[in-house]
Protein backbone atom coordinates (compact mmCIF):
# COMPACT_ATOMS: atom_id res chain seq x y z
CA MET A 1 -34.77 -12.95 -90.10
CA SER A 2 -31.81 -14.59 -91.79
CA THR A 3 -31.95 -17.38 -89.22
CA PHE A 4 -34.50 -19.28 -91.29
CA ARG A 5 -32.90 -18.91 -94.70
CA ARG A 6 -31.83 -22.32 -95.91
CA GLN A 7 -28.06 -22.48 -95.99
CA LYS A 8 -26.85 -23.70 -99.37
CA THR A 9 -23.46 -24.69 -97.99
CA MET A 10 -24.89 -26.82 -95.17
CA ASP A 11 -24.00 -30.51 -95.16
CA TRP A 12 -27.60 -31.67 -95.42
CA LEU A 13 -26.71 -35.34 -95.84
CA ASN A 14 -25.09 -35.46 -92.37
CA PHE A 15 -27.47 -32.95 -90.85
CA ASP A 16 -28.68 -33.48 -87.24
CA PRO A 17 -32.08 -31.74 -87.10
CA ILE A 18 -32.75 -32.09 -83.36
CA PRO A 19 -29.63 -30.17 -82.16
CA GLU A 20 -30.29 -27.61 -84.89
CA ILE A 21 -33.85 -27.02 -83.66
CA ASP A 22 -32.49 -26.68 -80.13
CA ARG A 23 -29.96 -24.07 -81.31
CA LEU A 24 -32.65 -22.26 -83.31
CA LEU A 25 -34.95 -22.00 -80.30
CA ARG A 26 -32.11 -20.77 -78.09
CA ILE A 27 -31.17 -17.98 -80.51
CA THR A 28 -34.59 -16.88 -81.74
CA CYS A 29 -36.71 -17.34 -78.61
CA LYS A 30 -34.50 -15.69 -76.02
CA LYS A 31 -37.60 -14.39 -74.26
CA TYR A 32 -38.67 -18.01 -73.68
CA PRO A 33 -35.51 -19.77 -72.44
CA ALA A 34 -37.34 -22.95 -71.37
CA LEU A 35 -38.98 -23.61 -74.75
CA HIS A 36 -36.12 -25.63 -76.21
CA THR A 37 -35.92 -27.71 -73.03
CA HIS A 38 -39.53 -28.78 -73.31
CA MET A 39 -39.62 -29.38 -77.06
CA THR A 40 -36.33 -30.99 -78.08
CA GLY A 41 -35.71 -32.30 -74.56
CA SER A 42 -38.97 -34.25 -74.51
CA TYR A 43 -38.31 -35.70 -77.96
CA SER A 44 -34.75 -36.77 -77.11
CA HIS A 45 -35.91 -38.21 -73.79
CA MET A 46 -38.14 -40.70 -75.61
CA PHE A 47 -35.03 -42.36 -77.05
CA ASN A 48 -33.27 -42.50 -73.66
CA ASP A 49 -36.16 -43.32 -71.34
CA ILE A 50 -36.22 -46.61 -69.45
CA SER A 51 -38.33 -49.08 -71.40
CA ASP A 52 -38.26 -52.62 -72.76
CA LEU A 53 -38.27 -51.17 -76.30
CA PRO A 54 -34.69 -51.62 -77.63
CA ALA A 55 -32.68 -48.49 -78.40
CA ALA A 56 -32.24 -49.30 -82.09
CA ALA A 57 -35.93 -50.15 -82.45
CA ARG A 58 -36.90 -46.73 -81.11
CA HIS A 59 -35.07 -45.02 -83.96
CA TYR A 60 -36.56 -47.46 -86.48
CA VAL A 61 -40.05 -46.64 -85.22
CA ALA A 62 -39.21 -42.94 -85.60
CA LEU A 63 -37.91 -43.65 -89.13
CA VAL A 64 -41.16 -45.24 -90.29
CA ALA A 65 -43.13 -42.44 -88.58
CA SER A 66 -41.18 -39.67 -90.34
CA ALA A 67 -41.68 -41.49 -93.66
CA ARG A 68 -45.42 -40.72 -93.46
CA HIS A 69 -44.68 -37.00 -93.92
CA ARG A 70 -41.65 -37.70 -96.19
CA CYS A 71 -39.38 -35.68 -93.90
CA LEU A 72 -35.99 -36.47 -95.43
CA SER A 73 -33.95 -34.69 -92.75
CA LEU A 74 -35.54 -36.69 -89.95
CA MET A 75 -35.37 -39.92 -91.94
CA ASP A 76 -31.64 -39.46 -92.59
CA TYR A 77 -31.09 -38.66 -88.90
CA HIS A 78 -32.87 -41.76 -87.58
CA ARG A 79 -31.25 -44.00 -90.20
CA ARG A 80 -27.84 -43.00 -88.88
CA LYS A 81 -28.91 -43.35 -85.26
CA PHE A 82 -30.43 -46.78 -85.98
CA LEU A 83 -27.09 -48.05 -87.24
CA GLU A 84 -25.17 -46.38 -84.41
CA LYS A 85 -27.34 -48.21 -81.87
CA GLY A 86 -26.57 -51.58 -83.46
CA GLY A 87 -29.62 -52.01 -85.67
CA GLN A 88 -29.69 -54.62 -88.44
CA PRO A 89 -28.55 -52.88 -91.67
CA PHE A 90 -30.90 -54.87 -93.91
CA TRP A 91 -33.90 -53.37 -92.06
CA LEU A 92 -33.13 -50.15 -93.95
CA LEU A 93 -34.17 -51.87 -97.19
CA GLY A 94 -37.78 -51.34 -96.13
CA ILE A 95 -40.31 -52.23 -93.50
CA ASP A 96 -40.92 -55.67 -95.04
CA TRP A 97 -37.33 -56.55 -94.06
CA SER A 98 -37.89 -55.69 -90.41
CA HIS A 99 -39.24 -57.91 -87.65
CA MET A 100 -42.90 -58.89 -87.68
CA LYS A 101 -43.36 -56.95 -84.44
CA TYR A 102 -42.63 -53.63 -86.16
CA ARG A 103 -44.33 -54.47 -89.44
CA LYS A 104 -47.58 -54.74 -87.51
CA LEU A 105 -47.17 -51.12 -86.38
CA ASP A 106 -47.58 -49.84 -89.94
CA TYR A 107 -51.38 -49.62 -89.89
CA LEU A 108 -51.43 -47.86 -86.52
CA ASN A 109 -48.71 -45.46 -87.67
CA ARG A 110 -50.73 -44.59 -90.77
CA MET A 111 -53.91 -43.90 -88.82
CA LEU A 112 -52.22 -41.89 -86.06
CA CYS A 113 -50.49 -39.67 -88.60
CA HIS A 114 -53.40 -38.87 -90.92
CA ARG A 115 -56.74 -40.03 -89.47
CA PRO A 116 -56.37 -40.78 -85.75
CA TRP A 117 -60.14 -40.92 -85.25
CA MET A 118 -60.07 -44.28 -87.07
CA VAL A 119 -57.92 -45.95 -84.38
CA HIS A 120 -60.10 -48.68 -82.86
CA TRP A 121 -59.53 -51.07 -79.99
CA LYS A 122 -59.52 -53.95 -82.50
CA ASN A 123 -56.42 -52.45 -84.11
CA LEU A 124 -54.62 -52.96 -80.80
CA ALA A 125 -55.74 -56.57 -80.34
CA VAL A 126 -53.03 -57.84 -82.72
CA LEU A 127 -50.30 -55.78 -81.05
CA PHE A 128 -50.68 -56.39 -77.33
CA ALA A 129 -49.12 -59.42 -75.65
CA ARG A 130 -51.66 -61.85 -74.21
CA ARG A 131 -51.66 -64.95 -72.01
CA THR A 132 -47.94 -64.64 -71.15
CA PRO A 133 -46.03 -61.70 -69.62
CA ASP A 134 -43.98 -61.00 -72.74
CA GLY A 135 -46.36 -62.58 -75.29
CA GLY A 136 -43.56 -63.67 -77.57
CA PRO A 137 -41.18 -61.72 -79.81
CA SER A 138 -43.92 -60.65 -82.24
CA PHE A 139 -46.00 -58.78 -79.70
CA PHE A 140 -45.67 -55.66 -77.58
CA SER A 141 -45.98 -55.31 -73.86
CA VAL A 142 -48.28 -52.52 -72.72
CA SER A 143 -45.42 -50.21 -71.76
CA ALA A 144 -43.52 -50.89 -75.01
CA LEU A 145 -46.56 -50.10 -77.16
CA HIS A 146 -47.25 -46.89 -75.22
CA HIS A 147 -43.61 -45.92 -75.72
CA ALA A 148 -43.70 -46.75 -79.46
CA VAL A 149 -46.90 -44.74 -79.98
CA GLY A 150 -45.39 -41.82 -78.07
CA ILE A 151 -42.36 -41.88 -80.38
CA MET A 152 -44.53 -42.11 -83.52
CA THR A 153 -46.89 -39.27 -82.60
CA MET A 154 -44.04 -37.05 -81.35
CA THR A 155 -42.14 -37.70 -84.59
CA HIS A 156 -45.20 -36.67 -86.62
CA ALA A 157 -45.27 -33.43 -84.62
CA MET A 158 -41.52 -32.94 -85.12
CA CYS A 159 -42.04 -33.25 -88.89
CA THR A 160 -44.40 -30.29 -88.65
CA VAL A 161 -41.77 -28.25 -86.82
CA LEU A 162 -38.94 -29.12 -89.23
CA CYS A 163 -40.95 -28.39 -92.37
CA CYS A 164 -42.33 -25.12 -91.00
CA VAL A 165 -39.05 -23.57 -89.87
CA GLY A 166 -37.20 -24.53 -93.07
CA LEU A 167 -34.94 -27.28 -91.72
CA GLU A 168 -36.27 -29.94 -94.08
CA ARG A 169 -33.81 -31.08 -96.74
CA ARG A 170 -34.80 -29.96 -100.23
CA VAL A 171 -31.32 -29.89 -101.80
CA ASP A 172 -28.90 -32.61 -102.92
CA MET A 173 -31.82 -34.92 -103.68
CA THR A 174 -31.58 -38.02 -105.84
CA GLN A 175 -34.21 -38.92 -108.41
CA LEU A 176 -35.60 -41.56 -106.05
CA GLU A 177 -36.06 -38.98 -103.30
CA ILE A 178 -37.80 -36.59 -105.69
CA ASP A 179 -40.14 -39.42 -106.73
CA PHE A 180 -40.79 -40.21 -103.09
CA LEU A 181 -41.69 -36.60 -102.25
CA ASN A 182 -44.16 -36.51 -105.16
CA ILE A 183 -45.62 -39.98 -104.63
CA ASP A 184 -49.21 -38.65 -104.58
CA ASP A 185 -48.83 -36.02 -107.33
CA ILE A 186 -50.63 -37.30 -110.43
CA ASP A 187 -49.37 -34.49 -112.66
CA TYR A 188 -45.80 -35.18 -111.62
CA TRP A 189 -46.03 -38.87 -112.49
CA GLU A 190 -47.67 -38.16 -115.84
CA ALA A 191 -44.64 -36.02 -116.66
CA ARG A 192 -42.27 -38.47 -114.99
CA MET A 193 -43.35 -41.34 -117.20
CA SER A 194 -43.19 -39.20 -120.31
CA LYS A 195 -40.17 -39.56 -122.58
CA TYR A 196 -39.82 -35.79 -122.48
CA PHE A 197 -39.21 -35.79 -118.72
CA ARG A 198 -35.95 -34.11 -117.78
CA VAL A 199 -33.44 -36.57 -116.29
CA ILE A 200 -31.85 -35.36 -113.04
CA HIS A 201 -28.33 -36.60 -112.47
CA ASP A 202 -27.87 -38.22 -109.09
CA ARG A 203 -25.36 -36.96 -106.57
CA ALA A 204 -22.79 -39.28 -105.02
CA PRO A 205 -24.55 -41.60 -102.54
CA THR A 206 -23.96 -41.36 -98.82
CA GLU A 207 -22.58 -44.29 -96.84
CA VAL A 208 -26.06 -45.43 -95.76
CA GLU A 209 -27.48 -45.12 -99.29
CA TYR A 210 -24.49 -46.97 -100.76
CA MET A 211 -24.95 -49.76 -98.22
CA ILE A 212 -28.65 -50.07 -99.08
CA SER A 213 -27.96 -50.24 -102.81
CA GLU A 214 -25.24 -52.84 -102.30
CA MET A 215 -27.56 -55.00 -100.19
CA LYS A 216 -30.19 -54.79 -102.92
CA ASN A 217 -27.67 -55.91 -105.54
CA THR A 218 -25.97 -58.68 -103.57
CA GLU A 219 -28.89 -60.21 -101.67
CA ARG A 220 -31.25 -60.95 -104.52
CA GLY A 221 -31.23 -64.60 -103.58
CA MET A 222 -32.40 -63.68 -100.09
CA LYS A 223 -35.20 -61.47 -101.35
CA ARG A 224 -38.06 -61.54 -98.89
CA PRO A 225 -41.34 -62.53 -100.60
CA ALA A 226 -43.98 -59.86 -100.60
CA ALA A 227 -46.34 -60.41 -97.69
CA ARG A 228 -49.95 -60.86 -98.69
CA MET A 229 -51.85 -58.84 -96.18
CA CYS A 230 -55.51 -58.13 -95.66
CA ALA A 231 -57.45 -55.43 -93.88
CA MET A 232 -58.67 -56.04 -90.35
CA THR A 233 -62.32 -56.94 -90.03
CA ALA A 234 -64.44 -57.65 -86.98
CA GLU A 235 -64.58 -61.34 -87.89
CA THR A 236 -60.83 -61.81 -88.15
CA VAL A 237 -60.21 -59.96 -84.90
CA GLU A 238 -62.84 -61.96 -83.01
CA SER A 239 -61.40 -65.21 -84.32
CA LEU A 240 -57.91 -64.05 -83.35
CA ILE A 241 -58.94 -63.08 -79.82
CA ASN A 242 -60.79 -66.37 -79.26
CA ALA A 243 -58.06 -68.48 -80.86
CA PRO A 244 -55.87 -70.77 -78.76
CA ALA A 245 -52.49 -69.58 -77.57
CA ALA A 246 -50.69 -71.48 -80.36
CA THR A 247 -52.01 -68.93 -82.87
CA TYR A 248 -49.63 -66.36 -81.39
CA SER A 249 -46.50 -68.46 -81.88
CA SER A 250 -43.78 -66.45 -83.59
CA ARG A 251 -42.34 -69.69 -85.07
CA ARG A 252 -45.25 -70.19 -87.44
CA LYS A 253 -44.44 -69.51 -91.07
CA ASN A 254 -48.00 -68.72 -92.09
CA TYR A 255 -49.28 -65.89 -89.93
CA SER A 256 -52.89 -64.98 -89.58
CA PRO A 257 -53.79 -62.27 -92.14
CA ALA A 258 -55.03 -60.04 -89.35
CA LEU A 259 -51.48 -59.84 -87.99
CA LEU A 260 -49.99 -58.21 -91.04
CA LEU A 261 -52.28 -55.31 -91.87
CA GLY A 262 -50.21 -53.46 -94.37
CA SER A 263 -50.35 -53.73 -98.15
CA THR A 264 -54.10 -53.85 -98.78
CA ASP A 265 -56.59 -51.08 -98.32
CA GLU A 266 -59.95 -51.20 -96.55
CA ASN A 267 -61.56 -52.74 -99.66
CA GLY A 268 -59.05 -55.59 -99.85
CA GLU A 269 -57.32 -54.23 -102.97
CA ASP A 270 -53.55 -54.39 -103.32
CA ILE A 271 -52.07 -51.00 -102.43
CA LEU A 272 -48.76 -51.64 -104.18
CA GLU A 273 -50.51 -52.10 -107.54
CA LYS A 274 -52.15 -48.66 -107.26
CA GLU A 275 -49.04 -46.72 -106.17
CA PRO A 276 -46.65 -45.13 -108.68
CA PRO A 277 -43.51 -47.14 -109.47
CA CYS A 278 -41.23 -45.44 -106.92
CA ASP A 279 -38.12 -47.46 -106.02
CA TYR A 280 -37.39 -45.53 -102.81
CA PRO A 281 -37.29 -47.90 -99.77
CA ILE A 282 -40.81 -48.53 -98.51
CA TYR A 283 -40.77 -47.79 -94.78
CA THR A 284 -44.56 -47.54 -94.65
CA HIS A 285 -47.16 -48.99 -96.98
CA HIS A 286 -49.98 -47.10 -98.65
CA ARG A 287 -47.81 -44.02 -99.15
CA THR A 288 -50.57 -42.18 -101.04
CA PHE A 289 -52.86 -42.46 -98.00
CA GLY A 290 -53.34 -39.04 -96.42
CA TYR A 291 -55.49 -36.71 -94.41
CA ILE A 292 -59.13 -36.04 -95.21
CA ASP A 293 -61.30 -33.34 -93.69
CA PHE A 294 -62.98 -34.71 -90.58
CA ARG A 295 -66.29 -33.19 -91.62
CA LYS A 296 -66.09 -35.04 -94.95
CA ARG A 297 -64.96 -38.35 -93.46
CA PRO A 298 -66.62 -41.44 -94.96
CA GLU A 299 -66.84 -43.01 -91.48
CA LYS A 300 -69.94 -41.08 -90.43
CA ASP A 301 -70.57 -43.51 -87.58
CA ILE A 302 -67.46 -42.16 -85.79
CA PRO A 303 -68.56 -39.22 -83.63
CA PRO A 304 -66.33 -36.27 -82.73
CA PHE A 305 -64.05 -36.76 -79.74
CA ARG A 306 -65.45 -34.87 -76.73
CA VAL A 307 -62.77 -33.56 -74.36
CA GLU A 308 -65.35 -33.26 -71.57
CA GLU A 309 -65.89 -37.02 -71.70
CA PHE A 310 -62.24 -38.05 -72.05
CA GLY A 311 -59.64 -35.39 -71.42
CA TRP A 312 -55.90 -35.15 -70.92
CA ASP A 313 -56.26 -36.32 -67.31
CA HIS A 314 -57.56 -39.67 -68.59
CA VAL A 315 -54.62 -39.94 -70.99
CA TYR A 316 -52.14 -39.03 -68.26
CA ASN A 317 -53.52 -41.57 -65.77
CA THR A 318 -53.72 -44.35 -68.36
CA ILE A 319 -50.14 -44.03 -69.60
CA ASN A 320 -48.50 -42.77 -66.41
CA GLU A 321 -48.86 -46.23 -64.88
CA TYR A 322 -46.30 -47.58 -67.36
CA THR A 323 -44.15 -44.60 -68.42
CA ASP A 324 -44.30 -41.99 -65.67
CA THR A 325 -41.29 -39.94 -66.77
CA MET A 326 -42.62 -39.48 -70.31
CA THR A 327 -46.09 -38.39 -69.19
CA ASN A 328 -44.68 -35.95 -66.63
CA ARG A 329 -42.54 -34.33 -69.30
CA LEU A 330 -45.46 -34.12 -71.74
CA ASP A 331 -47.73 -32.65 -69.08
CA ARG A 332 -45.23 -29.89 -68.30
CA MET A 333 -44.64 -29.27 -72.02
CA PHE A 334 -48.35 -28.80 -72.76
CA ASP A 335 -48.80 -26.41 -69.84
CA HIS A 336 -45.72 -24.39 -70.81
CA ILE A 337 -46.47 -24.07 -74.53
CA ARG A 338 -50.15 -23.22 -74.07
CA SER A 339 -49.42 -20.57 -71.44
CA LEU A 340 -46.35 -19.12 -73.16
CA THR A 341 -46.89 -15.47 -74.10
CA GLY A 342 -45.24 -12.09 -73.99
CA ASN A 343 -48.64 -10.33 -73.81
CA THR A 344 -47.60 -8.17 -76.77
CA SER A 345 -48.68 -7.85 -80.37
CA ASN A 346 -46.05 -6.71 -82.85
CA LEU A 347 -47.62 -4.73 -85.66
CA SER A 348 -45.53 -3.26 -88.47
CA ASN A 349 -46.09 0.38 -89.30
CA GLU A 350 -45.55 2.20 -92.59
CA SER A 351 -41.81 2.58 -91.99
CA GLY A 352 -41.40 -1.18 -91.50
CA GLU A 353 -40.68 -0.87 -87.80
CA TYR A 354 -42.51 -2.83 -85.13
CA ASP A 355 -44.68 -1.23 -82.48
CA GLN A 356 -45.31 -3.28 -79.37
CA ASN A 357 -48.81 -3.01 -77.99
CA GLU A 358 -49.94 -4.69 -74.80
CA ILE A 359 -52.63 -7.22 -75.58
CA ASP A 360 -53.99 -10.44 -74.13
CA THR A 361 -53.07 -13.18 -76.61
CA ALA A 362 -55.00 -15.93 -74.81
CA ALA A 363 -57.85 -15.84 -77.36
CA PHE A 364 -55.41 -16.23 -80.26
CA ARG A 365 -53.50 -19.11 -78.62
CA GLU A 366 -56.75 -20.84 -77.73
CA ALA A 367 -58.06 -20.43 -81.28
CA VAL A 368 -54.90 -21.92 -82.82
CA TRP A 369 -54.99 -24.87 -80.41
CA ASN A 370 -58.70 -25.66 -80.79
CA TYR A 371 -58.70 -25.18 -84.58
CA THR A 372 -55.78 -27.60 -84.93
CA GLN A 373 -57.42 -30.21 -82.76
CA GLY A 374 -60.71 -29.73 -84.57
CA LEU A 375 -58.98 -30.82 -87.78
CA TYR A 376 -58.45 -34.20 -86.07
CA GLY A 377 -61.96 -34.56 -84.73
CA VAL A 378 -61.44 -33.23 -81.19
CA ARG A 379 -64.16 -30.90 -79.93
CA ILE A 380 -64.71 -28.87 -76.76
CA ASP A 381 -68.36 -28.28 -75.92
CA ASP A 382 -67.63 -25.23 -73.76
CA TYR A 383 -65.74 -23.39 -76.52
CA ASP A 384 -67.46 -21.03 -78.95
CA TYR A 385 -65.99 -22.08 -82.31
CA SER A 386 -67.27 -18.91 -83.97
CA LYS A 387 -64.36 -17.17 -82.22
CA ILE A 388 -61.96 -18.94 -84.57
CA ASN A 389 -63.25 -17.09 -87.63
CA ARG A 390 -63.06 -13.80 -85.74
CA VAL A 391 -59.54 -14.33 -84.40
CA LEU A 392 -57.87 -16.21 -87.29
CA ASP A 393 -57.95 -14.90 -90.83
CA LYS A 394 -58.14 -17.18 -93.88
CA GLY A 395 -54.38 -17.10 -94.52
CA THR A 396 -53.56 -18.09 -90.94
CA LYS A 397 -56.06 -20.98 -91.01
CA THR A 398 -54.61 -22.18 -94.31
CA PHE A 399 -51.11 -22.17 -92.84
CA ILE A 400 -52.30 -24.04 -89.73
CA LYS A 401 -54.01 -26.73 -91.80
CA LEU A 402 -50.99 -27.19 -94.05
CA ALA A 403 -48.60 -27.30 -91.11
CA ALA A 404 -50.71 -29.79 -89.15
CA CYS A 405 -51.97 -32.09 -91.91
CA TYR A 406 -49.64 -31.63 -94.92
CA PRO A 407 -46.29 -30.34 -93.62
CA HIS A 408 -44.44 -32.02 -96.53
CA LYS A 409 -46.45 -29.85 -98.96
CA LEU A 410 -45.51 -26.50 -97.44
CA THR A 411 -44.21 -24.33 -100.26
CA THR A 412 -44.35 -20.91 -98.56
CA GLU A 413 -41.10 -19.95 -96.88
CA PHE A 414 -41.32 -19.41 -93.15
CA LEU A 415 -40.33 -15.77 -93.61
CA ARG A 416 -43.45 -15.10 -95.68
CA ALA A 417 -45.86 -17.03 -93.49
CA LEU A 418 -47.89 -15.25 -90.79
CA PRO A 419 -47.06 -11.66 -91.88
CA GLY A 420 -46.72 -9.19 -89.02
CA PHE A 421 -45.37 -11.79 -86.57
CA ARG A 422 -41.87 -11.81 -85.19
CA ASP A 423 -39.74 -14.94 -85.62
CA SER A 424 -40.21 -15.98 -81.99
CA GLU A 425 -43.99 -15.56 -82.32
CA LYS A 426 -44.05 -17.65 -85.49
CA ILE A 427 -42.15 -20.41 -83.73
CA HIS A 428 -44.61 -20.27 -80.85
CA VAL A 429 -47.50 -20.73 -83.31
CA VAL A 430 -45.71 -23.70 -84.90
CA MET A 431 -45.19 -25.23 -81.45
CA LEU A 432 -48.88 -24.79 -80.66
CA ILE A 433 -49.83 -26.52 -83.92
CA SER A 434 -47.45 -29.44 -83.46
CA MET A 435 -48.37 -30.07 -79.83
CA ALA A 436 -52.10 -29.74 -80.50
CA ARG A 437 -51.96 -32.44 -83.18
CA PHE A 438 -49.76 -34.58 -80.92
CA GLN A 439 -52.28 -34.38 -78.08
CA ALA A 440 -55.19 -35.09 -80.44
CA SER A 441 -53.51 -38.30 -81.64
CA MET A 442 -52.86 -39.36 -78.04
CA PHE A 443 -56.52 -38.71 -77.22
CA HIS A 444 -57.72 -41.14 -79.89
CA TYR A 445 -55.09 -43.76 -79.10
CA THR A 446 -55.71 -43.76 -75.34
CA ARG A 447 -59.46 -43.97 -75.91
CA ALA A 448 -58.85 -47.11 -77.98
CA VAL A 449 -56.64 -48.52 -75.21
CA CYS A 450 -59.38 -48.01 -72.62
CA ASN A 451 -61.92 -49.65 -74.93
CA TYR A 452 -59.53 -52.58 -75.42
CA ASN A 453 -59.18 -53.00 -71.67
CA ALA A 454 -62.94 -52.86 -71.21
CA MET A 455 -63.60 -55.43 -73.94
CA CYS A 456 -60.74 -57.88 -73.54
CA LEU A 457 -59.60 -58.05 -69.93
CA SER A 458 -62.83 -59.55 -68.60
CA ARG A 459 -63.70 -62.83 -70.30
CA ARG A 460 -66.66 -63.72 -68.08
CA GLY A 461 -68.83 -60.75 -68.88
CA TRP A 462 -67.51 -58.19 -71.37
CA ARG A 463 -68.27 -54.64 -70.38
CA ARG A 464 -69.41 -52.09 -72.90
CA PRO A 465 -66.68 -49.91 -74.44
CA LEU A 466 -66.52 -46.18 -73.87
CA ASP A 467 -67.95 -45.53 -77.34
C-alpha cells in the first residue's frame, strides 16, 4: 500500500512519469506481467513510430494535450523531451509562438479532450493537406494528423492514469502553477485578487522555467501579436474548401480566420478577456473550457454514437492504412485490458484480512467500460444499462467520472478510492477508465474523418455523410 504514497523527497522537477508508471505496474501488478508492456509501451511507441511528424513536434503535441488536464508532471516531461529532440525553445513560451500547423490543432485538442462528440468533419477541413501531396508547411498529411490525434488522445488517457495513481506533481509549485491549476475556480480567484490573499514564495526555477522567463524578458521587441481568431462556421469552411489553391499558401501574412480557430468561443467572444489573469504559458486556449454531461449537452442535434453502426473495426481499418504499427498495438492493448482478470474478488473481513472468493468479474469490467464511454456519448444498443446501477455503487461511479472527465480535480488519495480493492485491482480499473475514454475519442474522430472523405474527396457529386 505504501507504493502509492507520494514521496516528499522525490525530485519532482526532473521526474520522468512514464518509466515510473512502468515500474509501478511491474511491482504492483505481478499477476499481470504484460500490462506495463501494453500501456507504457504503446504510449512510448507513438513517439518512436515511423511517421512524417517530426520527433520534437510529437512531444510538443503531447505538451499541449497534457495542458488540457493541467498535468504538471507530464507537461514537465514533454517540455524536457521537446528540447532534447531539438525543438525551438521559444515555442515553450506558449502555443501562439509555435508554427501555424500546430496552432490549428488547438480546437481539435480541446474537443477531443472534453467533448469529443462535437468533432465534425468541417473541423478537419482546415487541417488536411489538399491539392498537393504535402499541402504546404501549414497543413497535415493524413498519416501525420492520425498520428498527432493518437498522441493527443493517448496523452489525455495518460493524464487520467497519472492523476489517479498519485504520480502527478503537487509539491514544489510556483504561484503561476497554482494559478494554472485553479484557472476555473471562481472562489480561488476571488481570494487570489483580494489583498488578504496569502503570498506563496516561489521556489528556485528549473532550467526550462529560467529559459522561458529570460526569453520573455529579452524578446519583448519580438513579441508575437495576439492572433485574432474566429470560430468555424459552415460558411467559412465552405468558402475555404471552394477557394483557389493560393488561399492555402503558408507565405501569406493574413490567414483566413477559419485557419486559426483558437481564442474565440462559439459565440465569437474573446476567450482571453473572460479568463482569469494567469501568466502561466498558454499552451492551449480557452483553458476554462471543460466537460459537460452528455445528457445535458446544448448540441441536442448531435445523436449518441452507436457502436453497432461504427465500431472499433471501422476505426482500425480507417487508420491502419496509414499507421499499421500503432493500430496493431492499440488493438492488442484493448483486448488485453478488457479481458484482464484474476476471477477473484478480494473482500476485507472484520480482522482486516482479505478473503479471496472465486467470481466472474466480466460484468464489473463491462460496466466500468460502458459507463465510461457513455460519459462521452458512446452507446451500445445490445447492452442493458440498468446493469450499471446494480454493479457499480454511487462512490465507484463518482470516482470513474472524476477520473475520466476531471482527473486534475481528483482530491481523494488512491489509497482511499475504491475501498475493498487491492492495489492491482485498482490499477486495472484505472486502466479500463483511461482506455475506454481513449477509444471513445477515437470513435468520434474517425467518424469525422470518414464524413470528411465522403464529403470532400468527390467533387462531381458529393455523397451524403455517415451522419
